């Protein structure tokens, strides 16, 4: 069984403030000519911006996975023939509860495999960092060599598949949708998740996460068909059902 999954995260402001407390603000990190503020004077957004500059990833400025907290996850169980079997999900404020729910779900199948989009670089590291934060044990399968080994067919990162494992630049999921004439990212954009989180709009966040999971599934189906791993009749049937689900999700928040 394959578990196609995605996470939605927001900055862990408590952890960020803890870092800034241990590594105080420097003059060159604030507006020239203005008095250097204390940590208490900084808004949460100020702290996030500072942390992004300090520990952002490369030129993207994206906050390091360690400083993200999970607010939603969605997983879709799919069998070896590509047939969807069961959708599982969680969203909310209690991140520890969400992790425990995820780990319990992954224990459903002893030798599960993974499919995701950029999960090796982001989602999987986030899960491990957050398990460390809450002193939780992950399912043993997540540490198995079949999952850890980058070139394993048991842990399929579509970013690796499309870039030949980093040999070329990687496309956005939304742009892959354009390539195959399917509109992805219609519920929301990732940079709006924090805004929805502050409003406690967890249903919208979860729907956004679910849309990404179904989009990942559709891209995976196309890739499997392109590589002659799925017959045309089966592909069309699975794709048709997936598109119906995708459009249903997109209608919810319109």
C-alpha atoms as a PDB file:
ATOM      1  CA  UNK A   1       0.000   0.000   0.000  1.00  0.00           C
ATOM      2  CA  UNK A   2       1.095   3.537  -0.812  1.00  0.00           C
ATOM      3  CA  UNK A   3       0.368   6.475   1.475  1.00  0.00           C
ATOM      4  CA  UNK A   4       0.105   9.675  -0.567  1.00  0.00           C
ATOM      5  CA  UNK A   5       0.341  12.544   1.873  1.00  0.00           C
ATOM      6  CA  UNK A   6       0.902  16.230   2.455  1.00  0.00           C
ATOM      7  CA  UNK A   7       1.360  18.505   5.470  1.00  0.00           C
ATOM      8  CA  UNK A   8       0.293  22.063   6.103  1.00  0.00           C
ATOM      9  CA  UNK A   9       2.468  23.957   8.545  1.00  0.00           C
ATOM     10  CA  UNK A  10       2.880  27.372  10.151  1.00  0.00           C
ATOM     11  CA  UNK A  11       5.883  28.934  11.892  1.00  0.00           C
ATOM     12  CA  UNK A  12       6.448  27.672  15.445  1.00  0.00           C
ATOM     13  CA  UNK A  13       6.516  31.098  17.088  1.00  0.00           C
ATOM     14  CA  UNK A  14       7.340  29.725  20.549  1.00  0.00           C
ATOM     15  CA  UNK A  15      10.407  27.922  19.225  1.00  0.00           C
ATOM     16  CA  UNK A  16      11.415  30.965  17.206  1.00  0.00           C
ATOM     17  CA  UNK A  17      11.149  33.226  20.251  1.00  0.00           C
ATOM     18  CA  UNK A  18      13.206  30.720  22.233  1.00  0.00           C
ATOM     19  CA  UNK A  19      15.930  30.882  19.579  1.00  0.00           C
ATOM     20  CA  UNK A  20      15.887  34.687  19.549  1.00  0.00           C
ATOM     21  CA  UNK A  21      16.099  34.736  23.339  1.00  0.00           C
ATOM     22  CA  UNK A  22      19.280  32.656  23.172  1.00  0.00           C
ATOM     23  CA  UNK A  23      20.636  34.603  20.195  1.00  0.00           C
ATOM     24  CA  UNK A  24      19.699  38.271  20.800  1.00  0.00           C
ATOM     25  CA  UNK A  25      18.834  40.757  18.102  1.00  0.00           C
ATOM     26  CA  UNK A  26      21.801  42.406  16.374  1.00  0.00           C
ATOM     27  CA  UNK A  27      21.927  46.059  15.241  1.00  0.00           C
ATOM     28  CA  UNK A  28      22.261  45.087  11.570  1.00  0.00           C
ATOM     29  CA  UNK A  29      19.025  43.082  11.815  1.00  0.00           C
ATOM     30  CA  UNK A  30      16.889  46.127  12.563  1.00  0.00           C
ATOM     31  CA  UNK A  31      15.972  49.373  10.835  1.00  0.00           C
ATOM     32  CA  UNK A  32      18.924  51.754  10.779  1.00  0.00           C
ATOM     33  CA  UNK A  33      18.470  54.737  13.066  1.00  0.00           C
ATOM     34  CA  UNK A  34      15.708  53.160  15.149  1.00  0.00           C
ATOM     35  CA  UNK A  35      16.147  51.987  18.728  1.00  0.00           C
ATOM     36  CA  UNK A  36      16.908  48.268  19.004  1.00  0.00           C
ATOM     37  CA  UNK A  37      13.753  46.644  20.438  1.00  0.00           C
ATOM     38  CA  UNK A  38      13.617  43.981  23.121  1.00  0.00           C
ATOM     39  CA  UNK A  39      12.225  40.540  22.308  1.00  0.00           C
ATOM     40  CA  UNK A  40       9.011  41.446  24.136  1.00  0.00           C
ATOM     41  CA  UNK A  41       8.554  44.421  21.807  1.00  0.00           C
ATOM     42  CA  UNK A  42       8.661  42.266  18.685  1.00  0.00           C
ATOM     43  CA  UNK A  43       5.442  41.038  17.146  1.00  0.00           C
ATOM     44  CA  UNK A  44       5.108  37.392  16.140  1.00  0.00           C
ATOM     45  CA  UNK A  45       5.508  38.440  12.513  1.00  0.00           C
ATOM     46  CA  UNK A  46       8.688  40.372  13.356  1.00  0.00           C
ATOM     47  CA  UNK A  47      10.077  37.217  14.981  1.00  0.00           C
ATOM     48  CA  UNK A  48       9.132  35.089  11.992  1.00  0.00           C
ATOM     49  CA  UNK A  49      10.791  37.535   9.593  1.00  0.00           C
ATOM     50  CA  UNK A  50      13.978  37.589  11.674  1.00  0.00           C
ATOM     51  CA  UNK A  51      14.091  33.798  11.928  1.00  0.00           C
ATOM     52  CA  UNK A  52      13.558  33.473   8.183  1.00  0.00           C
ATOM     53  CA  UNK A  53      16.563  35.721   7.538  1.00  0.00           C
ATOM     54  CA  UNK A  54      18.706  33.809  10.026  1.00  0.00           C
ATOM     55  CA  UNK A  55      17.793  30.226   9.249  1.00  0.00           C
ATOM     56  CA  UNK A  56      16.093  30.497   5.863  1.00  0.00           C
ATOM     57  CA  UNK A  57      16.955  27.814   3.328  1.00  0.00           C
ATOM     58  CA  UNK A  58      19.310  29.050   0.636  1.00  0.00           C
ATOM     59  CA  UNK A  59      18.151  31.926  -1.535  1.00  0.00           C
ATOM     60  CA  UNK A  60      14.461  31.023  -1.145  1.00  0.00           C
ATOM     61  CA  UNK A  61      14.330  32.461   2.366  1.00  0.00           C
ATOM     62  CA  UNK A  62      11.948  29.651   3.317  1.00  0.00           C
ATOM     63  CA  UNK A  63      11.996  28.943   7.045  1.00  0.00           C
ATOM     64  CA  UNK A  64      13.974  25.827   7.989  1.00  0.00           C
ATOM     65  CA  UNK A  65      11.761  22.720   8.533  1.00  0.00           C
ATOM     66  CA  UNK A  66      12.706  22.611  12.238  1.00  0.00           C
ATOM     67  CA  UNK A  67      10.787  25.829  12.864  1.00  0.00           C
ATOM     68  CA  UNK A  68       7.490  24.669  11.351  1.00  0.00           C
ATOM     69  CA  UNK A  69       4.583  23.244  13.332  1.00  0.00           C
ATOM     70  CA  UNK A  70       2.024  20.945  11.737  1.00  0.00           C
ATOM     71  CA  UNK A  71      -1.559  22.215  11.641  1.00  0.00           C
ATOM     72  CA  UNK A  72      -2.973  19.690   9.158  1.00  0.00           C
ATOM     73  CA  UNK A  73      -2.127  16.496   7.362  1.00  0.00           C
ATOM     74  CA  UNK A  74      -4.032  14.463   4.792  1.00  0.00           C
ATOM     75  CA  UNK A  75      -3.179  10.987   3.566  1.00  0.00           C
ATOM     76  CA  UNK A  76      -4.674   8.799   0.859  1.00  0.00           C
ATOM     77  CA  UNK A  77      -4.119   5.046   0.929  1.00  0.00           C
ATOM     78  CA  UNK A  78      -3.643   3.661  -2.590  1.00  0.00           C
ATOM     79  CA  UNK A  79      -3.040   0.041  -3.528  1.00  0.00           C
ATOM     80  CA  UNK A  80      -0.317  -1.249  -5.862  1.00  0.00           C
ATOM     81  CA  UNK A  81      -2.666  -0.904  -8.856  1.00  0.00           C
ATOM     82  CA  UNK A  82      -3.293   2.773  -8.127  1.00  0.00           C
ATOM     83  CA  UNK A  83      -6.774   2.265  -6.680  1.00  0.00           C
ATOM     84  CA  UNK A  84      -7.603   4.749  -3.870  1.00  0.00           C
ATOM     85  CA  UNK A  85      -8.779   2.943  -0.744  1.00  0.00           C
ATOM     86  CA  UNK A  86      -9.126   5.341   2.171  1.00  0.00           C
ATOM     87  CA  UNK A  87      -8.616   9.018   2.991  1.00  0.00           C
ATOM     88  CA  UNK A  88      -7.396   9.969   6.460  1.00  0.00           C
ATOM     89  CA  UNK A  89      -6.894  13.465   7.821  1.00  0.00           C
ATOM     90  CA  UNK A  90      -6.319  15.658  10.844  1.00  0.00           C
ATOM     91  CA  UNK A  91      -6.240  19.395  11.432  1.00  0.00           C
ATOM     92  CA  UNK A  92      -6.176  21.534  14.540  1.00  0.00           C
ATOM     93  CA  UNK A  93      -4.179  23.368  17.176  1.00  0.00           C
ATOM     94  CA  UNK A  94      -2.990  20.340  19.182  1.00  0.00           C
ATOM     95  CA  UNK A  95       0.035  19.322  17.114  1.00  0.00           C
ATOM     96  CA  UNK A  96       1.067  16.472  19.403  1.00  0.00           C
ATOM     97  CA  UNK A  97      -2.378  14.920  18.984  1.00  0.00           C
ATOM     98  CA  UNK A  98      -2.027  15.313  15.211  1.00  0.00           C
ATOM     99  CA  UNK A  99       1.331  13.533  15.180  1.00  0.00           C
ATOM    100  CA  UNK A 100       0.059  10.681  17.327  1.00  0.00           C
ATOM    101  CA  UNK A 101      -2.933  10.298  14.992  1.00  0.00           C
ATOM    102  CA  UNK A 102      -0.619  10.232  11.966  1.00  0.00           C
ATOM    103  CA  UNK A 103       1.718   7.655  13.505  1.00  0.00           C
ATOM    104  CA  UNK A 104      -1.202   5.431  14.509  1.00  0.00           C
ATOM    105  CA  UNK A 105      -2.550   5.616  10.967  1.00  0.00           C
ATOM    106  CA  UNK A 106       0.817   4.656   9.490  1.00  0.00           C
ATOM    107  CA  UNK A 107       0.882   1.575  11.701  1.00  0.00           C
ATOM    108  CA  UNK A 108      -2.157   0.270   9.783  1.00  0.00           C
ATOM    109  CA  UNK A 109       0.174  -1.334   7.251  1.00  0.00           C
ATOM    110  CA  UNK A 110       3.542  -2.689   8.368  1.00  0.00           C
ATOM    111  CA  UNK A 111       5.352  -2.278   5.030  1.00  0.00           C
ATOM    112  CA  UNK A 112       3.655   0.834   3.655  1.00  0.00           C
ATOM    113  CA  UNK A 113       5.291   2.956   0.962  1.00  0.00           C
ATOM    114  CA  UNK A 114       5.153   6.715   0.443  1.00  0.00           C
ATOM    115  CA  UNK A 115       4.301   9.086  -2.410  1.00  0.00           C
ATOM    116  CA  UNK A 116       4.624  12.853  -1.986  1.00  0.00           C
ATOM    117  CA  UNK A 117       5.724  16.082  -3.606  1.00  0.00           C
ATOM    118  CA  UNK A 118       8.963  17.483  -2.129  1.00  0.00           C
ATOM    119  CA  UNK A 119       8.438  15.336   0.953  1.00  0.00           C
ATOM    120  CA  UNK A 120      12.106  14.385   1.235  1.00  0.00           C
ATOM    121  CA  UNK A 121      13.159  18.009   1.582  1.00  0.00           C
ATOM    122  CA  UNK A 122      10.293  19.243   3.726  1.00  0.00           C
ATOM    123  CA  UNK A 123       7.449  17.028   4.959  1.00  0.00           C
ATOM    124  CA  UNK A 124       9.490  14.075   6.204  1.00  0.00           C
ATOM    125  CA  UNK A 125      12.102  16.233   7.991  1.00  0.00           C
ATOM    126  CA  UNK A 126       9.281  18.244   9.609  1.00  0.00           C
ATOM    127  CA  UNK A 127       7.672  15.043  10.906  1.00  0.00           C
ATOM    128  CA  UNK A 128      10.957  13.890  12.430  1.00  0.00           C
ATOM    129  CA  UNK A 129      11.766  17.275  13.983  1.00  0.00           C
ATOM    130  CA  UNK A 130       8.304  17.512  15.515  1.00  0.00           C
ATOM    131  CA  UNK A 131       8.505  13.964  16.869  1.00  0.00           C
ATOM    132  CA  UNK A 132      11.732  15.054  18.566  1.00  0.00           C
ATOM    133  CA  UNK A 133      10.024  18.137  19.964  1.00  0.00           C
ATOM    134  CA  UNK A 134       7.243  16.102  21.560  1.00  0.00           C
ATOM    135  CA  UNK A 135       9.399  13.084  22.470  1.00  0.00           C
ATOM    136  CA  UNK A 136       7.331  10.732  20.305  1.00  0.00           C
ATOM    137  CA  UNK A 137       8.320   7.476  18.631  1.00  0.00           C
ATOM    138  CA  UNK A 138       7.702   7.305  14.895  1.00  0.00           C
ATOM    139  CA  UNK A 139       6.571   4.116  13.159  1.00  0.00           C
ATOM    140  CA  UNK A 140       9.697   1.995  12.496  1.00  0.00           C
ATOM    141  CA  UNK A 141       8.929   1.952   8.773  1.00  0.00           C
ATOM    142  CA  UNK A 142       9.786   5.666   8.480  1.00  0.00           C
ATOM    143  CA  UNK A 143      13.374   4.869   9.499  1.00  0.00           C
ATOM    144  CA  UNK A 144      13.702   1.745   7.358  1.00  0.00           C
ATOM    145  CA  UNK A 145      16.371   1.796   4.645  1.00  0.00           C
ATOM    146  CA  UNK A 146      13.684   1.260   1.978  1.00  0.00           C
ATOM    147  CA  UNK A 147      12.205   4.621   2.985  1.00  0.00           C
ATOM    148  CA  UNK A 148      15.448   6.439   3.843  1.00  0.00           C
ATOM    149  CA  UNK A 149      17.302   5.404   0.665  1.00  0.00           C
ATOM    150  CA  UNK A 150      16.861   8.233  -1.828  1.00  0.00           C
ATOM    151  CA  UNK A 151      16.624   6.052  -4.928  1.00  0.00           C
ATOM    152  CA  UNK A 152      14.143   3.620  -3.417  1.00  0.00           C
ATOM    153  CA  UNK A 153      10.907   2.893  -5.242  1.00  0.00           C
ATOM    154  CA  UNK A 154       9.282   2.561  -1.831  1.00  0.00           C
ATOM    155  CA  UNK A 155       9.490   6.291  -1.136  1.00  0.00           C
ATOM    156  CA  UNK A 156       8.520   8.222  -4.247  1.00  0.00           C
ATOM    157  CA  UNK A 157       9.192  11.955  -4.211  1.00  0.00           C
ATOM    158  CA  UNK A 158       7.772  13.339  -7.436  1.00  0.00           C
ATOM    159  CA  UNK A 159      10.253  16.214  -7.287  1.00  0.00           C
ATOM    160  CA  UNK A 160      13.073  13.669  -7.575  1.00  0.00           C
ATOM    161  CA  UNK A 161      11.236  11.870 -10.360  1.00  0.00           C
ATOM    162  CA  UNK A 162      10.822  15.021 -12.458  1.00  0.00           C
ATOM    163  CA  UNK A 163      14.305  16.431 -11.836  1.00  0.00           C
ATOM    164  CA  UNK A 164      16.262  13.170 -12.181  1.00  0.00           C
ATOM    165  CA  UNK A 165      17.225  13.473  -8.518  1.00  0.00           C
ATOM    166  CA  UNK A 166      18.267  17.095  -8.629  1.00  0.00           C
ATOM    167  CA  UNK A 167      19.902  17.142 -12.074  1.00  0.00           C
ATOM    168  CA  UNK A 168      17.507  19.888 -13.203  1.00  0.00           C
ATOM    169  CA  UNK A 169      15.365  22.573 -11.566  1.00  0.00           C
ATOM    170  CA  UNK A 170      12.078  21.389 -10.132  1.00  0.00           C
ATOM    171  CA  UNK A 171       8.600  22.494 -11.189  1.00  0.00           C
ATOM    172  CA  UNK A 172       5.838  23.694  -8.915  1.00  0.00           C
ATOM    173  CA  UNK A 173       2.871  21.383  -8.468  1.00  0.00           C
ATOM    174  CA  UNK A 174       0.604  24.113  -9.835  1.00  0.00           C
ATOM    175  CA  UNK A 175       2.665  24.324 -13.024  1.00  0.00           C
ATOM    176  CA  UNK A 176       2.523  20.567 -13.524  1.00  0.00           C
ATOM    177  CA  UNK A 177      -1.231  20.939 -13.408  1.00  0.00           C
ATOM    178  CA  UNK A 178      -1.001  23.519 -16.194  1.00  0.00           C
ATOM    179  CA  UNK A 179       1.128  21.090 -18.188  1.00  0.00           C
ATOM    180  CA  UNK A 180      -1.637  18.472 -18.167  1.00  0.00           C
ATOM    181  CA  UNK A 181      -4.477  21.040 -18.342  1.00  0.00           C
ATOM    182  CA  UNK A 182      -5.779  20.459 -14.834  1.00  0.00           C
ATOM    183  CA  UNK A 183      -6.276  23.440 -12.470  1.00  0.00           C
ATOM    184  CA  UNK A 184      -4.460  22.832  -9.176  1.00  0.00           C
ATOM    185  CA  UNK A 185      -4.192  25.196  -6.197  1.00  0.00           C
ATOM    186  CA  UNK A 186      -7.768  26.482  -6.523  1.00  0.00           C
ATOM    187  CA  UNK A 187      -8.658  26.255  -2.807  1.00  0.00           C
ATOM    188  CA  UNK A 188      -5.809  28.408  -1.490  1.00  0.00           C
ATOM    189  CA  UNK A 189      -2.081  29.028  -1.767  1.00  0.00           C
ATOM    190  CA  UNK A 190       0.499  27.795   0.716  1.00  0.00           C
ATOM    191  CA  UNK A 191       1.503  31.295   1.771  1.00  0.00           C
ATOM    192  CA  UNK A 192      -2.073  31.922   2.979  1.00  0.00           C
ATOM    193  CA  UNK A 193      -2.078  29.008   5.438  1.00  0.00           C
ATOM    194  CA  UNK A 194      -0.702  31.120   8.297  1.00  0.00           C
ATOM    195  CA  UNK A 195      -3.404  33.712   7.694  1.00  0.00           C
ATOM    196  CA  UNK A 196      -6.090  30.998   7.834  1.00  0.00           C
ATOM    197  CA  UNK A 197      -4.436  29.525  10.918  1.00  0.00           C
ATOM    198  CA  UNK A 198      -4.671  32.848  12.777  1.00  0.00           C
ATOM    199  CA  UNK A 199      -8.402  32.841  11.969  1.00  0.00           C
ATOM    200  CA  UNK A 200      -8.702  29.180  13.109  1.00  0.00           C
ATOM    201  CA  UNK A 201     -10.000  28.242   9.639  1.00  0.00           C
ATOM    202  CA  UNK A 202      -8.823  24.651   9.955  1.00  0.00           C
ATOM    203  CA  UNK A 203     -11.441  23.321   7.544  1.00  0.00           C
ATOM    204  CA  UNK A 204     -10.058  25.521   4.771  1.00  0.00           C
ATOM    205  CA  UNK A 205      -6.501  24.498   5.636  1.00  0.00           C
ATOM    206  CA  UNK A 206      -7.431  20.814   5.540  1.00  0.00           C
ATOM    207  CA  UNK A 207      -9.239  21.228   2.203  1.00  0.00           C
ATOM    208  CA  UNK A 208      -6.154  22.930   0.798  1.00  0.00           C
ATOM    209  CA  UNK A 209      -4.038  20.044   2.037  1.00  0.00           C
ATOM    210  CA  UNK A 210      -6.482  17.515   0.580  1.00  0.00           C
ATOM    211  CA  UNK A 211      -6.400  19.286  -2.790  1.00  0.00           C
ATOM    212  CA  UNK A 212      -2.608  18.938  -2.849  1.00  0.00           C
ATOM    213  CA  UNK A 213      -2.842  15.232  -2.036  1.00  0.00           C
ATOM    214  CA  UNK A 214      -5.315  14.569  -4.849  1.00  0.00           C
ATOM    215  CA  UNK A 215      -3.201  16.699  -7.199  1.00  0.00           C
ATOM    216  CA  UNK A 216      -0.131  14.655  -6.251  1.00  0.00           C
ATOM    217  CA  UNK A 217      -2.089  11.464  -6.905  1.00  0.00           C
ATOM    218  CA  UNK A 218      -3.174  12.712 -10.351  1.00  0.00           C
ATOM    219  CA  UNK A 219       0.383  13.682 -11.306  1.00  0.00           C
ATOM    220  CA  UNK A 220       1.625  10.288 -10.118  1.00  0.00           C
ATOM    221  CA  UNK A 221      -1.051   8.564 -12.248  1.00  0.00           C
ATOM    222  CA  UNK A 222       0.060  10.535 -15.307  1.00  0.00           C
ATOM    223  CA  UNK A 223       3.680   9.659 -14.659  1.00  0.00           C
ATOM    224  CA  UNK A 224       2.883   5.967 -14.231  1.00  0.00           C
ATOM    225  CA  UNK A 225       0.899   5.978 -17.490  1.00  0.00           C
ATOM    226  CA  UNK A 226       3.651   7.858 -19.329  1.00  0.00           C
ATOM    227  CA  UNK A 227       6.153   5.244 -18.164  1.00  0.00           C
ATOM    228  CA  UNK A 228       3.855   2.410 -19.320  1.00  0.00           C
ATOM    229  CA  UNK A 229       3.200   1.148 -15.795  1.00  0.00           C
ATOM    230  CA  UNK A 230      -0.588   1.546 -16.081  1.00  0.00           C
ATOM    231  CA  UNK A 231      -2.768   0.501 -19.007  1.00  0.00           C
ATOM    232  CA  UNK A 232      -4.705   3.235 -20.796  1.00  0.00           C
ATOM    233  CA  UNK A 233      -8.194   2.028 -19.840  1.00  0.00           C
ATOM    234  CA  UNK A 234      -7.262   1.733 -16.173  1.00  0.00           C
ATOM    235  CA  UNK A 235      -5.517   5.112 -16.245  1.00  0.00           C
ATOM    236  CA  UNK A 236      -8.534   6.897 -17.728  1.00  0.00           C
ATOM    237  CA  UNK A 237     -10.861   5.341 -15.164  1.00  0.00           C
ATOM    238  CA  UNK A 238      -8.660   6.253 -12.201  1.00  0.00           C
ATOM    239  CA  UNK A 239      -8.025   9.749 -13.527  1.00  0.00           C
ATOM    240  CA  UNK A 240     -11.731  10.402 -14.108  1.00  0.00           C
ATOM    241  CA  UNK A 241     -12.587   9.451 -10.521  1.00  0.00           C
ATOM    242  CA  UNK A 242      -9.697  11.529  -9.169  1.00  0.00           C
ATOM    243  CA  UNK A 243     -10.764  14.582 -11.175  1.00  0.00           C
ATOM    244  CA  UNK A 244     -14.301  14.340  -9.809  1.00  0.00           C
ATOM    245  CA  UNK A 245     -12.894  14.334  -6.287  1.00  0.00           C
ATOM    246  CA  UNK A 246     -10.535  17.228  -7.064  1.00  0.00           C
ATOM    247  CA  UNK A 247     -13.358  19.383  -8.438  1.00  0.00           C
ATOM    248  CA  UNK A 248     -15.558  18.540  -5.442  1.00  0.00           C
ATOM    249  CA  UNK A 249     -12.823  19.778  -3.087  1.00  0.00           C
ATOM    250  CA  UNK A 250     -12.351  22.952  -5.119  1.00  0.00           C
ATOM    251  CA  UNK A 251     -16.096  23.711  -5.029  1.00  0.00           C
ATOM    252  CA  UNK A 252     -16.268  23.607  -1.224  1.00  0.00           C
ATOM    253  CA  UNK A 253     -14.630  26.980  -0.644  1.00  0.00           C
ATOM    254  CA  UNK A 254     -15.988  28.813  -3.674  1.00  0.00           C
END
